[in-house]
């Protein structure tokens, strides 16, 4: 989106350059306008560079989040499995009377 806006601004800047070359300006001298346009071009180049750096940085961050999501899903699954195993491995609570009956049955 930023890149599209920058492209539009570049086109507008080019139109200003052409307009300056054809008409000139009554308010400012052509040299002053040319200097101003050159400054604007430098600022636009700087912004384009910053957007490119931001895009690279964001791609790196996105890749790191993907790795995080994969690892989180794996850990979550393992935790669920361990909780299930712990729940299944708990000895059932049996009364003393039931144990005595089981001992008699086994004897």
PDB file of N, CA and C in Angstrom:
ATOM      1  N   UNK A   1       0.829  -1.183   0.000  1.00  0.00           N
ATOM      2  CA  UNK A   1       0.000   0.000   0.000  1.00  0.00           C
ATOM      3  C   UNK A   1       0.876   1.251   0.000  1.00  0.00           C
ATOM      4  N   UNK A   2       1.907   1.242   0.855  1.00  0.00           N
ATOM      5  CA  UNK A   2       2.838   2.369   0.879  1.00  0.00           C
ATOM      6  C   UNK A   2       3.551   2.516  -0.454  1.00  0.00           C
ATOM      7  N   UNK A   3       3.929   1.392  -1.033  1.00  0.00           N
ATOM      8  CA  UNK A   3       4.622   1.447  -2.321  1.00  0.00           C
ATOM      9  C   UNK A   3       3.721   2.056  -3.393  1.00  0.00           C
ATOM     10  N   UNK A   4       2.446   1.710  -3.380  1.00  0.00           N
ATOM     11  CA  UNK A   4       1.513   2.290  -4.352  1.00  0.00           C
ATOM     12  C   UNK A   4       1.380   3.794  -4.152  1.00  0.00           C
ATOM     13  N   UNK A   5       1.306   4.221  -2.899  1.00  0.00           N
ATOM     14  CA  UNK A   5       1.210   5.652  -2.619  1.00  0.00           C
ATOM     15  C   UNK A   5       2.476   6.378  -3.070  1.00  0.00           C
ATOM     16  N   UNK A   6       3.628   5.744  -2.854  1.00  0.00           N
ATOM     17  CA  UNK A   6       4.880   6.351  -3.284  1.00  0.00           C
ATOM     18  C   UNK A   6       4.936   6.478  -4.802  1.00  0.00           C
ATOM     19  N   UNK A   7       4.461   5.477  -5.495  1.00  0.00           N
ATOM     20  CA  UNK A   7       4.437   5.533  -6.957  1.00  0.00           C
ATOM     21  C   UNK A   7       3.574   6.701  -7.420  1.00  0.00           C
ATOM     22  N   UNK A   8       2.432   6.870  -6.784  1.00  0.00           N
ATOM     23  CA  UNK A   8       1.544   7.981  -7.119  1.00  0.00           C
ATOM     24  C   UNK A   8       2.232   9.315  -6.865  1.00  0.00           C
ATOM     25  N   UNK A   9       2.923   9.415  -5.747  1.00  0.00           N
ATOM     26  CA  UNK A   9       3.626  10.659  -5.413  1.00  0.00           C
ATOM     27  C   UNK A   9       4.752  10.945  -6.411  1.00  0.00           C
ATOM     28  N   UNK A  10       5.434   9.900  -6.850  1.00  0.00           N
ATOM     29  CA  UNK A  10       6.479  10.090  -7.847  1.00  0.00           C
ATOM     30  C   UNK A  10       5.893  10.637  -9.142  1.00  0.00           C
ATOM     31  N   UNK A  11       4.749  10.102  -9.545  1.00  0.00           N
ATOM     32  CA  UNK A  11       4.097  10.593 -10.759  1.00  0.00           C
ATOM     33  C   UNK A  11       3.722  12.056 -10.614  1.00  0.00           C
ATOM     34  N   UNK A  12       3.184  12.418  -9.436  1.00  0.00           N
ATOM     35  CA  UNK A  12       2.828  13.814  -9.184  1.00  0.00           C
ATOM     36  C   UNK A  12       4.063  14.701  -9.241  1.00  0.00           C
ATOM     37  N   UNK A  13       5.158  14.220  -8.686  1.00  0.00           N
ATOM     38  CA  UNK A  13       6.407  14.974  -8.693  1.00  0.00           C
ATOM     39  C   UNK A  13       6.922  15.153 -10.119  1.00  0.00           C
ATOM     40  N   UNK A  14       6.825  14.111 -10.923  1.00  0.00           N
ATOM     41  CA  UNK A  14       7.235  14.224 -12.327  1.00  0.00           C
ATOM     42  C   UNK A  14       6.375  15.237 -13.073  1.00  0.00           C
ATOM     43  N   UNK A  15       5.082  15.240 -12.776  1.00  0.00           N
ATOM     44  CA  UNK A  15       4.189  16.221 -13.401  1.00  0.00           C
ATOM     45  C   UNK A  15       4.584  17.637 -13.003  1.00  0.00           C
ATOM     46  N   UNK A  16       4.962  17.817 -11.741  1.00  0.00           N
ATOM     47  CA  UNK A  16       5.428  19.131 -11.292  1.00  0.00           C
ATOM     48  C   UNK A  16       6.692  19.549 -12.030  1.00  0.00           C
ATOM     49  N   UNK A  17       7.605  18.600 -12.224  1.00  0.00           N
ATOM     50  CA  UNK A  17       8.827  18.907 -12.955  1.00  0.00           C
ATOM     51  C   UNK A  17       8.509  19.365 -14.375  1.00  0.00           C
ATOM     52  N   UNK A  18       7.625  18.639 -15.016  1.00  0.00           N
ATOM     53  CA  UNK A  18       7.255  18.981 -16.381  1.00  0.00           C
ATOM     54  C   UNK A  18       6.557  20.333 -16.437  1.00  0.00           C
ATOM     55  N   UNK A  19       5.684  20.560 -15.493  1.00  0.00           N
ATOM     56  CA  UNK A  19       4.976  21.837 -15.431  1.00  0.00           C
ATOM     57  C   UNK A  19       5.956  22.980 -15.224  1.00  0.00           C
ATOM     58  N   UNK A  20       6.939  22.785 -14.379  1.00  0.00           N
ATOM     59  CA  UNK A  20       7.959  23.794 -14.113  1.00  0.00           C
ATOM     60  C   UNK A  20       8.768  24.070 -15.374  1.00  0.00           C
ATOM     61  N   UNK A  21       9.105  23.000 -16.069  1.00  0.00           N
ATOM     62  CA  UNK A  21       9.904  23.160 -17.276  1.00  0.00           C
ATOM     63  C   UNK A  21       9.129  23.930 -18.339  1.00  0.00           C
ATOM     64  N   UNK A  22       7.839  23.709 -18.407  1.00  0.00           N
ATOM     65  CA  UNK A  22       7.034  24.372 -19.435  1.00  0.00           C
ATOM     66  C   UNK A  22       6.645  25.800 -19.055  1.00  0.00           C
ATOM     67  N   UNK A  23       6.183  26.001 -17.841  1.00  0.00           N
ATOM     68  CA  UNK A  23       5.591  27.279 -17.451  1.00  0.00           C
ATOM     69  C   UNK A  23       6.529  28.179 -16.660  1.00  0.00           C
ATOM     70  N   UNK A  24       7.205  27.588 -15.703  1.00  0.00           N
ATOM     71  CA  UNK A  24       7.908  28.415 -14.736  1.00  0.00           C
ATOM     72  C   UNK A  24       6.898  28.832 -13.685  1.00  0.00           C
ATOM     73  N   UNK A  25       7.269  29.694 -12.784  1.00  0.00           N
ATOM     74  CA  UNK A  25       6.353  30.136 -11.742  1.00  0.00           C
ATOM     75  C   UNK A  25       6.575  31.606 -11.482  1.00  0.00           C
ATOM     76  N   UNK A  26       5.498  32.307 -11.273  1.00  0.00           N
ATOM     77  CA  UNK A  26       5.598  33.735 -10.999  1.00  0.00           C
ATOM     78  C   UNK A  26       6.026  33.985  -9.563  1.00  0.00           C
ATOM     79  N   UNK A  27       5.681  33.041  -8.668  1.00  0.00           N
ATOM     80  CA  UNK A  27       5.961  33.237  -7.244  1.00  0.00           C
ATOM     81  C   UNK A  27       7.417  32.952  -6.906  1.00  0.00           C
ATOM     82  N   UNK A  28       7.993  31.928  -7.515  1.00  0.00           N
ATOM     83  CA  UNK A  28       9.364  31.552  -7.209  1.00  0.00           C
ATOM     84  C   UNK A  28      10.158  31.453  -8.500  1.00  0.00           C
ATOM     85  N   UNK A  29      11.425  31.582  -8.356  1.00  0.00           N
ATOM     86  CA  UNK A  29      12.276  31.453  -9.535  1.00  0.00           C
ATOM     87  C   UNK A  29      12.370  29.991  -9.931  1.00  0.00           C
ATOM     88  N   UNK A  30      12.609  29.726 -11.176  1.00  0.00           N
ATOM     89  CA  UNK A  30      12.738  28.323 -11.610  1.00  0.00           C
ATOM     90  C   UNK A  30      13.856  27.587 -10.874  1.00  0.00           C
ATOM     91  N   UNK A  31      14.923  28.303 -10.538  1.00  0.00           N
ATOM     92  CA  UNK A  31      16.032  27.662  -9.826  1.00  0.00           C
ATOM     93  C   UNK A  31      15.590  27.208  -8.436  1.00  0.00           C
ATOM     94  N   UNK A  32      14.825  28.079  -7.745  1.00  0.00           N
ATOM     95  CA  UNK A  32      14.343  27.732  -6.405  1.00  0.00           C
ATOM     96  C   UNK A  32      13.402  26.540  -6.470  1.00  0.00           C
ATOM     97  N   UNK A  33      12.530  26.540  -7.461  1.00  0.00           N
ATOM     98  CA  UNK A  33      11.603  25.406  -7.607  1.00  0.00           C
ATOM     99  C   UNK A  33      12.363  24.132  -7.960  1.00  0.00           C
ATOM    100  N   UNK A  34      13.361  24.251  -8.796  1.00  0.00           N
ATOM    101  CA  UNK A  34      14.158  23.071  -9.158  1.00  0.00           C
ATOM    102  C   UNK A  34      14.858  22.502  -7.927  1.00  0.00           C
ATOM    103  N   UNK A  35      15.401  23.390  -7.088  1.00  0.00           N
ATOM    104  CA  UNK A  35      16.043  22.929  -5.857  1.00  0.00           C
ATOM    105  C   UNK A  35      15.041  22.238  -4.942  1.00  0.00           C
ATOM    106  N   UNK A  36      13.868  22.828  -4.839  1.00  0.00           N
ATOM    107  CA  UNK A  36      12.819  22.244  -3.980  1.00  0.00           C
ATOM    108  C   UNK A  36      12.398  20.873  -4.500  1.00  0.00           C
ATOM    109  N   UNK A  37      12.255  20.771  -5.807  1.00  0.00           N
ATOM    110  CA  UNK A  37      11.876  19.487  -6.408  1.00  0.00           C
ATOM    111  C   UNK A  37      12.987  18.461  -6.179  1.00  0.00           C
ATOM    112  N   UNK A  38      14.237  18.879  -6.285  1.00  0.00           N
ATOM    113  CA  UNK A  38      15.360  17.970  -6.035  1.00  0.00           C
ATOM    114  C   UNK A  38      15.330  17.475  -4.588  1.00  0.00           C
ATOM    115  N   UNK A  39      15.020  18.379  -3.648  1.00  0.00           N
ATOM    116  CA  UNK A  39      14.905  17.985  -2.242  1.00  0.00           C
ATOM    117  C   UNK A  39      13.778  16.974  -2.061  1.00  0.00           C
ATOM    118  N   UNK A  40      12.657  17.232  -2.727  1.00  0.00           N
ATOM    119  CA  UNK A  40      11.523  16.301  -2.640  1.00  0.00           C
ATOM    120  C   UNK A  40      11.898  14.932  -3.206  1.00  0.00           C
ATOM    121  N   UNK A  41      12.650  14.931  -4.293  1.00  0.00           N
ATOM    122  CA  UNK A  41      13.081  13.655  -4.882  1.00  0.00           C
ATOM    123  C   UNK A  41      13.983  12.891  -3.911  1.00  0.00           C
ATOM    124  N   UNK A  42      14.881  13.602  -3.259  1.00  0.00           N
ATOM    125  CA  UNK A  42      15.759  12.956  -2.281  1.00  0.00           C
ATOM    126  C   UNK A  42      14.955  12.384  -1.117  1.00  0.00           C
ATOM    127  N   UNK A  43      13.970  13.144  -0.653  1.00  0.00           N
ATOM    128  CA  UNK A  43      13.128  12.649   0.437  1.00  0.00           C
ATOM    129  C   UNK A  43      12.339  11.416  -0.008  1.00  0.00           C
ATOM    130  N   UNK A  44      11.846  11.439  -1.236  1.00  0.00           N
ATOM    131  CA  UNK A  44      11.094  10.290  -1.742  1.00  0.00           C
ATOM    132  C   UNK A  44      12.003   9.067  -1.839  1.00  0.00           C
ATOM    133  N   UNK A  45      13.230   9.262  -2.316  1.00  0.00           N
ATOM    134  CA  UNK A  45      14.175   8.144  -2.388  1.00  0.00           C
ATOM    135  C   UNK A  45      14.456   7.580  -1.004  1.00  0.00           C
ATOM    136  N   UNK A  46      14.598   8.470  -0.039  1.00  0.00           N
ATOM    137  CA  UNK A  46      14.823   8.046   1.335  1.00  0.00           C
ATOM    138  C   UNK A  46      13.639   7.237   1.853  1.00  0.00           C
ATOM    139  N   UNK A  47      12.448   7.694   1.556  1.00  0.00           N
ATOM    140  CA  UNK A  47      11.238   6.994   2.001  1.00  0.00           C
ATOM    141  C   UNK A  47      11.145   5.625   1.329  1.00  0.00           C
ATOM    142  N   UNK A  48      11.451   5.564   0.039  1.00  0.00           N
ATOM    143  CA  UNK A  48      11.423   4.286  -0.676  1.00  0.00           C
ATOM    144  C   UNK A  48      12.402   3.315  -0.032  1.00  0.00           C
ATOM    145  N   UNK A  49      13.569   3.811   0.325  1.00  0.00           N
ATOM    146  CA  UNK A  49      14.571   2.970   0.985  1.00  0.00           C
ATOM    147  C   UNK A  49      14.059   2.477   2.339  1.00  0.00           C
ATOM    148  N   UNK A  50      13.443   3.366   3.093  1.00  0.00           N
ATOM    149  CA  UNK A  50      12.915   2.982   4.401  1.00  0.00           C
ATOM    150  C   UNK A  50      11.795   1.956   4.264  1.00  0.00           C
ATOM    151  N   UNK A  51      10.951   2.114   3.258  1.00  0.00           N
ATOM    152  CA  UNK A  51       9.865   1.153   3.034  1.00  0.00           C
ATOM    153  C   UNK A  51      10.446  -0.213   2.675  1.00  0.00           C
ATOM    154  N   UNK A  52      11.491  -0.230   1.866  1.00  0.00           N
ATOM    155  CA  UNK A  52      12.129  -1.501   1.501  1.00  0.00           C
ATOM    156  C   UNK A  52      12.719  -2.173   2.734  1.00  0.00           C
ATOM    157  N   UNK A  53      13.358  -1.400   3.606  1.00  0.00           N
ATOM    158  CA  UNK A  53      13.909  -1.961   4.837  1.00  0.00           C
ATOM    159  C   UNK A  53      12.793  -2.482   5.733  1.00  0.00           C
ATOM    160  N   UNK A  54      11.709  -1.733   5.824  1.00  0.00           N
ATOM    161  CA  UNK A  54      10.569  -2.149   6.637  1.00  0.00           C
ATOM    162  C   UNK A  54       9.968  -3.442   6.102  1.00  0.00           C
ATOM    163  N   UNK A  55       9.869  -3.535   4.788  1.00  0.00           N
ATOM    164  CA  UNK A  55       9.309  -4.734   4.168  1.00  0.00           C
ATOM    165  C   UNK A  55      10.173  -5.953   4.483  1.00  0.00           C
ATOM    166  N   UNK A  56      11.498  -5.803   4.376  1.00  0.00           N
ATOM    167  CA  UNK A  56      12.416  -6.894   4.690  1.00  0.00           C
ATOM    168  C   UNK A  56      12.284  -7.296   6.155  1.00  0.00           C
ATOM    169  N   UNK A  57      12.235  -6.297   7.016  1.00  0.00           N
ATOM    170  CA  UNK A  57      12.113  -6.555   8.447  1.00  0.00           C
ATOM    171  C   UNK A  57      10.798  -7.263   8.762  1.00  0.00           C
ATOM    172  N   UNK A  58       9.731  -6.832   8.147  1.00  0.00           N
ATOM    173  CA  UNK A  58       8.422  -7.437   8.395  1.00  0.00           C
ATOM    174  C   UNK A  58       8.384  -8.880   7.901  1.00  0.00           C
ATOM    175  N   UNK A  59       9.041  -9.164   6.780  1.00  0.00           N
ATOM    176  CA  UNK A  59       9.083 -10.530   6.278  1.00  0.00           C
ATOM    177  C   UNK A  59       9.833 -11.428   7.256  1.00  0.00           C
ATOM    178  N   UNK A  60      10.911 -10.911   7.803  1.00  0.00           N
ATOM    179  CA  UNK A  60      11.674 -11.670   8.787  1.00  0.00           C
ATOM    180  C   UNK A  60      10.827 -11.937  10.025  1.00  0.00           C
ATOM    181  N   UNK A  61      10.124 -10.929  10.483  1.00  0.00           N
ATOM    182  CA  UNK A  61       9.259 -11.085  11.663  1.00  0.00           C
ATOM    183  C   UNK A  61       8.146 -12.085  11.380  1.00  0.00           C
ATOM    184  N   UNK A  62       7.573 -12.020  10.190  1.00  0.00           N
ATOM    185  CA  UNK A  62       6.511 -12.957   9.818  1.00  0.00           C
ATOM    186  C   UNK A  62       7.019 -14.393   9.833  1.00  0.00           C
ATOM    187  N   UNK A  63       8.223 -14.614   9.316  1.00  0.00           N
ATOM    188  CA  UNK A  63       8.807 -15.960   9.337  1.00  0.00           C
ATOM    189  C   UNK A  63       9.025 -16.441  10.770  1.00  0.00           C
ATOM    190  N   UNK A  64       9.482 -15.533  11.641  1.00  0.00           N
ATOM    191  CA  UNK A  64       9.694 -15.909  13.042  1.00  0.00           C
ATOM    192  C   UNK A  64       8.369 -16.255  13.716  1.00  0.00           C
ATOM    193  N   UNK A  65       7.308 -15.521  13.401  1.00  0.00           N
ATOM    194  CA  UNK A  65       5.997 -15.831  13.982  1.00  0.00           C
ATOM    195  C   UNK A  65       5.483 -17.173  13.487  1.00  0.00           C
ATOM    196  N   UNK A  66       5.744 -17.503  12.219  1.00  0.00           N
ATOM    197  CA  UNK A  66       5.325 -18.806  11.698  1.00  0.00           C
ATOM    198  C   UNK A  66       6.016 -19.929  12.464  1.00  0.00           C
ATOM    199  N   UNK A  67       7.318 -19.771  12.696  1.00  0.00           N
ATOM    200  CA  UNK A  67       8.067 -20.772  13.471  1.00  0.00           C
ATOM    201  C   UNK A  67       7.490 -20.866  14.876  1.00  0.00           C
ATOM    202  N   UNK A  68       7.211 -19.712  15.487  1.00  0.00           N
ATOM    203  CA  UNK A  68       6.636 -19.695  16.834  1.00  0.00           C
ATOM    204  C   UNK A  68       5.294 -20.435  16.852  1.00  0.00           C
ATOM    205  N   UNK A  69       4.436 -20.154  15.882  1.00  0.00           N
ATOM    206  CA  UNK A  69       3.124 -20.815  15.835  1.00  0.00           C
ATOM    207  C   UNK A  69       3.264 -22.327  15.718  1.00  0.00           C
ATOM    208  N   UNK A  70       4.207 -22.781  14.876  1.00  0.00           N
ATOM    209  CA  UNK A  70       4.409 -24.227  14.714  1.00  0.00           C
ATOM    210  C   UNK A  70       4.879 -24.860  16.024  1.00  0.00           C
ATOM    211  N   UNK A  71       5.860 -24.230  16.662  1.00  0.00           N
ATOM    212  CA  UNK A  71       6.390 -24.770  17.919  1.00  0.00           C
ATOM    213  C   UNK A  71       5.320 -24.721  19.009  1.00  0.00           C
ATOM    214  N   UNK A  72       4.553 -23.637  19.057  1.00  0.00           N
ATOM    215  CA  UNK A  72       3.489 -23.521  20.057  1.00  0.00           C
ATOM    216  C   UNK A  72       2.450 -24.622  19.873  1.00  0.00           C
ATOM    217  N   UNK A  73       2.071 -24.897  18.633  1.00  0.00           N
ATOM    218  CA  UNK A  73       1.094 -25.959  18.376  1.00  0.00           C
ATOM    219  C   UNK A  73       1.639 -27.315  18.824  1.00  0.00           C
ATOM    220  N   UNK A  74       2.922 -27.549  18.544  1.00  0.00           N
ATOM    221  CA  UNK A  74       3.542 -28.813  18.950  1.00  0.00           C
ATOM    222  C   UNK A  74       3.585 -28.944  20.475  1.00  0.00           C
ATOM    223  N   UNK A  75       3.988 -27.884  21.155  1.00  0.00           N
ATOM    224  CA  UNK A  75       4.058 -27.911  22.624  1.00  0.00           C
ATOM    225  C   UNK A  75       2.664 -28.076  23.214  1.00  0.00           C
ATOM    226  N   UNK A  76       1.693 -27.410  22.636  1.00  0.00           N
ATOM    227  CA  UNK A  76       0.323 -27.528  23.119  1.00  0.00           C
ATOM    228  C   UNK A  76      -0.182 -28.963  22.994  1.00  0.00           C
ATOM    229  N   UNK A  77       0.110 -29.595  21.860  1.00  0.00           N
ATOM    230  CA  UNK A  77      -0.298 -30.985  21.654  1.00  0.00           C
ATOM    231  C   UNK A  77       0.400 -31.912  22.652  1.00  0.00           C
ATOM    232  N   UNK A  78       1.690 -31.702  22.846  1.00  0.00           N
ATOM    233  CA  UNK A  78       2.429 -32.532  23.798  1.00  0.00           C
ATOM    234  C   UNK A  78       1.886 -32.343  25.215  1.00  0.00           C
ATOM    235  N   UNK A  79       1.583 -31.119  25.583  1.00  0.00           N
ATOM    236  CA  UNK A  79       1.031 -30.851  26.915  1.00  0.00           C
ATOM    237  C   UNK A  79      -0.301 -31.569  27.100  1.00  0.00           C
ATOM    238  N   UNK A  80      -1.135 -31.520  26.084  1.00  0.00           N
ATOM    239  CA  UNK A  80      -2.421 -32.206  26.160  1.00  0.00           C
ATOM    240  C   UNK A  80      -2.227 -33.713  26.317  1.00  0.00           C
ATOM    241  N   UNK A  81      -1.269 -34.257  25.564  1.00  0.00           N
ATOM    242  CA  UNK A  81      -0.993 -35.696  25.680  1.00  0.00           C
ATOM    243  C   UNK A  81      -0.504 -36.055  27.082  1.00  0.00           C
ATOM    244  N   UNK A  82       0.409 -35.250  27.607  1.00  0.00           N
ATOM    245  CA  UNK A  82       0.942 -35.531  28.949  1.00  0.00           C
ATOM    246  C   UNK A  82      -0.156 -35.427  30.004  1.00  0.00           C
ATOM    247  N   UNK A  83      -1.008 -34.432  29.883  1.00  0.00           N
ATOM    248  CA  UNK A  83      -2.105 -34.295  30.838  1.00  0.00           C
ATOM    249  C   UNK A  83      -3.039 -35.502  30.760  1.00  0.00           C
ATOM    250  N   UNK A  84      -3.295 -35.990  29.554  1.00  0.00           N
ATOM    251  CA  UNK A  84      -4.140 -37.172  29.379  1.00  0.00           C
ATOM    252  C   UNK A  84      -3.481 -38.391  30.031  1.00  0.00           C
ATOM    253  N   UNK A  85      -2.172 -38.568  29.774  1.00  0.00           N
ATOM    254  CA  UNK A  85      -1.449 -39.713  30.362  1.00  0.00           C
ATOM    255  C   UNK A  85      -1.457 -39.648  31.878  1.00  0.00           C
ATOM    256  N   UNK A  86      -1.214 -38.474  32.418  1.00  0.00           N
ATOM    257  CA  UNK A  86      -1.206 -38.318  33.876  1.00  0.00           C
ATOM    258  C   UNK A  86      -2.579 -38.646  34.439  1.00  0.00           C
ATOM    259  N   UNK A  87      -3.608 -38.194  33.736  1.00  0.00           N
ATOM    260  CA  UNK A  87      -4.970 -38.460  34.200  1.00  0.00           C
ATOM    261  C   UNK A  87      -5.274 -39.960  34.151  1.00  0.00           C
ATOM    262  N   UNK A  88      -4.797 -40.638  33.111  1.00  0.00           N
ATOM    263  CA  UNK A  88      -5.057 -42.071  32.974  1.00  0.00           C
ATOM    264  C   UNK A  88      -4.221 -42.908  33.937  1.00  0.00           C
ATOM    265  N   UNK A  89      -3.060 -42.406  34.307  1.00  0.00           N
ATOM    266  CA  UNK A  89      -2.160 -43.180  35.171  1.00  0.00           C
ATOM    267  C   UNK A  89      -2.454 -43.012  36.657  1.00  0.00           C
ATOM    268  N   UNK A  90      -3.361 -42.148  37.009  1.00  0.00           N
ATOM    269  CA  UNK A  90      -3.684 -41.963  38.423  1.00  0.00           C
ATOM    270  C   UNK A  90      -4.319 -43.244  38.955  1.00  0.00           C
ATOM    271  N   UNK A  91      -3.879 -43.652  40.093  1.00  0.00           N
ATOM    272  CA  UNK A  91      -4.539 -44.838  40.662  1.00  0.00           C
ATOM    273  C   UNK A  91      -5.966 -44.455  41.064  1.00  0.00           C
ATOM    274  N   UNK A  92      -6.845 -45.358  40.794  1.00  0.00           N
ATOM    275  CA  UNK A  92      -8.229 -45.062  41.170  1.00  0.00           C
ATOM    276  C   UNK A  92      -8.360 -45.115  42.689  1.00  0.00           C
ATOM    277  N   UNK A  93      -9.146 -44.252  43.193  1.00  0.00           N
ATOM    278  CA  UNK A  93      -9.339 -44.183  44.642  1.00  0.00           C
ATOM    279  C   UNK A  93     -10.330 -45.283  45.031  1.00  0.00           C
ATOM    280  N   UNK A  94      -9.837 -46.194  45.878  1.00  0.00           N
ATOM    281  CA  UNK A  94     -10.657 -47.336  46.277  1.00  0.00           C
ATOM    282  C   UNK A  94     -10.750 -47.321  47.795  1.00  0.00           C
ATOM    283  N   UNK A  95     -11.891 -47.692  48.264  1.00  0.00           N
ATOM    284  CA  UNK A  95     -12.079 -47.719  49.725  1.00  0.00           C
ATOM    285  C   UNK A  95     -11.349 -48.926  50.329  1.00  0.00           C
ATOM    286  N   UNK A  96     -11.151 -48.881  51.617  1.00  0.00           N
ATOM    287  CA  UNK A  96     -10.466 -49.955  52.339  1.00  0.00           C
ATOM    288  C   UNK A  96     -11.282 -51.243  52.264  1.00  0.00           C
ATOM    289  N   UNK A  97     -12.573 -51.082  52.326  1.00  0.00           N
ATOM    290  CA  UNK A  97     -13.450 -52.253  52.266  1.00  0.00           C
ATOM    291  C   UNK A  97     -13.348 -52.949  50.918  1.00  0.00           C
ATOM    292  N   UNK A  98     -13.283 -52.159  49.845  1.00  0.00           N
ATOM    293  CA  UNK A  98     -13.184 -52.743  48.501  1.00  0.00           C
ATOM    294  C   UNK A  98     -11.832 -53.459  48.344  1.00  0.00           C
ATOM    295  N   UNK A  99     -10.768 -52.898  48.914  1.00  0.00           N
ATOM    296  CA  UNK A  99      -9.473 -53.562  48.865  1.00  0.00           C
ATOM    297  C   UNK A  99      -9.482 -54.885  49.621  1.00  0.00           C
ATOM    298  N   UNK A 100     -10.138 -54.926  50.789  1.00  0.00           N
ATOM    299  CA  UNK A 100     -10.222 -56.154  51.559  1.00  0.00           C
ATOM    300  C   UNK A 100     -10.957 -57.231  50.774  1.00  0.00           C
ATOM    301  N   UNK A 101     -12.020 -56.829  50.119  1.00  0.00           N
ATOM    302  CA  UNK A 101     -12.784 -57.801  49.301  1.00  0.00           C
ATOM    303  C   UNK A 101     -11.945 -58.312  48.142  1.00  0.00           C
ATOM    304  N   UNK A 102     -11.159 -57.443  47.526  1.00  0.00           N
ATOM    305  CA  UNK A 102     -10.312 -57.869  46.414  1.00  0.00           C
ATOM    306  C   UNK A 102      -9.225 -58.816  46.891  1.00  0.00           C
ATOM    307  N   UNK A 103      -8.658 -58.575  48.081  1.00  0.00           N
ATOM    308  CA  UNK A 103      -7.648 -59.461  48.648  1.00  0.00           C
ATOM    309  C   UNK A 103      -8.256 -60.829  48.914  1.00  0.00           C
ATOM    310  N   UNK A 104      -9.457 -60.861  49.475  1.00  0.00           N
ATOM    311  CA  UNK A 104     -10.137 -62.151  49.742  1.00  0.00           C
ATOM    312  C   UNK A 104     -10.384 -62.885  48.445  1.00  0.00           C
ATOM    313  N   UNK A 105     -10.806 -62.159  47.413  1.00  0.00           N
ATOM    314  CA  UNK A 105     -11.079 -62.799  46.127  1.00  0.00           C
ATOM    315  C   UNK A 105      -9.786 -63.384  45.536  1.00  0.00           C
ATOM    316  N   UNK A 106      -8.736 -62.666  45.645  1.00  0.00           N
ATOM    317  CA  UNK A 106      -7.456 -63.134  45.116  1.00  0.00           C
ATOM    318  C   UNK A 106      -6.912 -64.340  45.894  1.00  0.00           C
ATOM    319  N   UNK A 107      -7.186 -64.385  47.195  1.00  0.00           N
ATOM    320  CA  UNK A 107      -6.716 -65.525  47.997  1.00  0.00           C
ATOM    321  C   UNK A 107      -7.484 -66.764  47.609  1.00  0.00           C
TER     322      UNK A 107
END
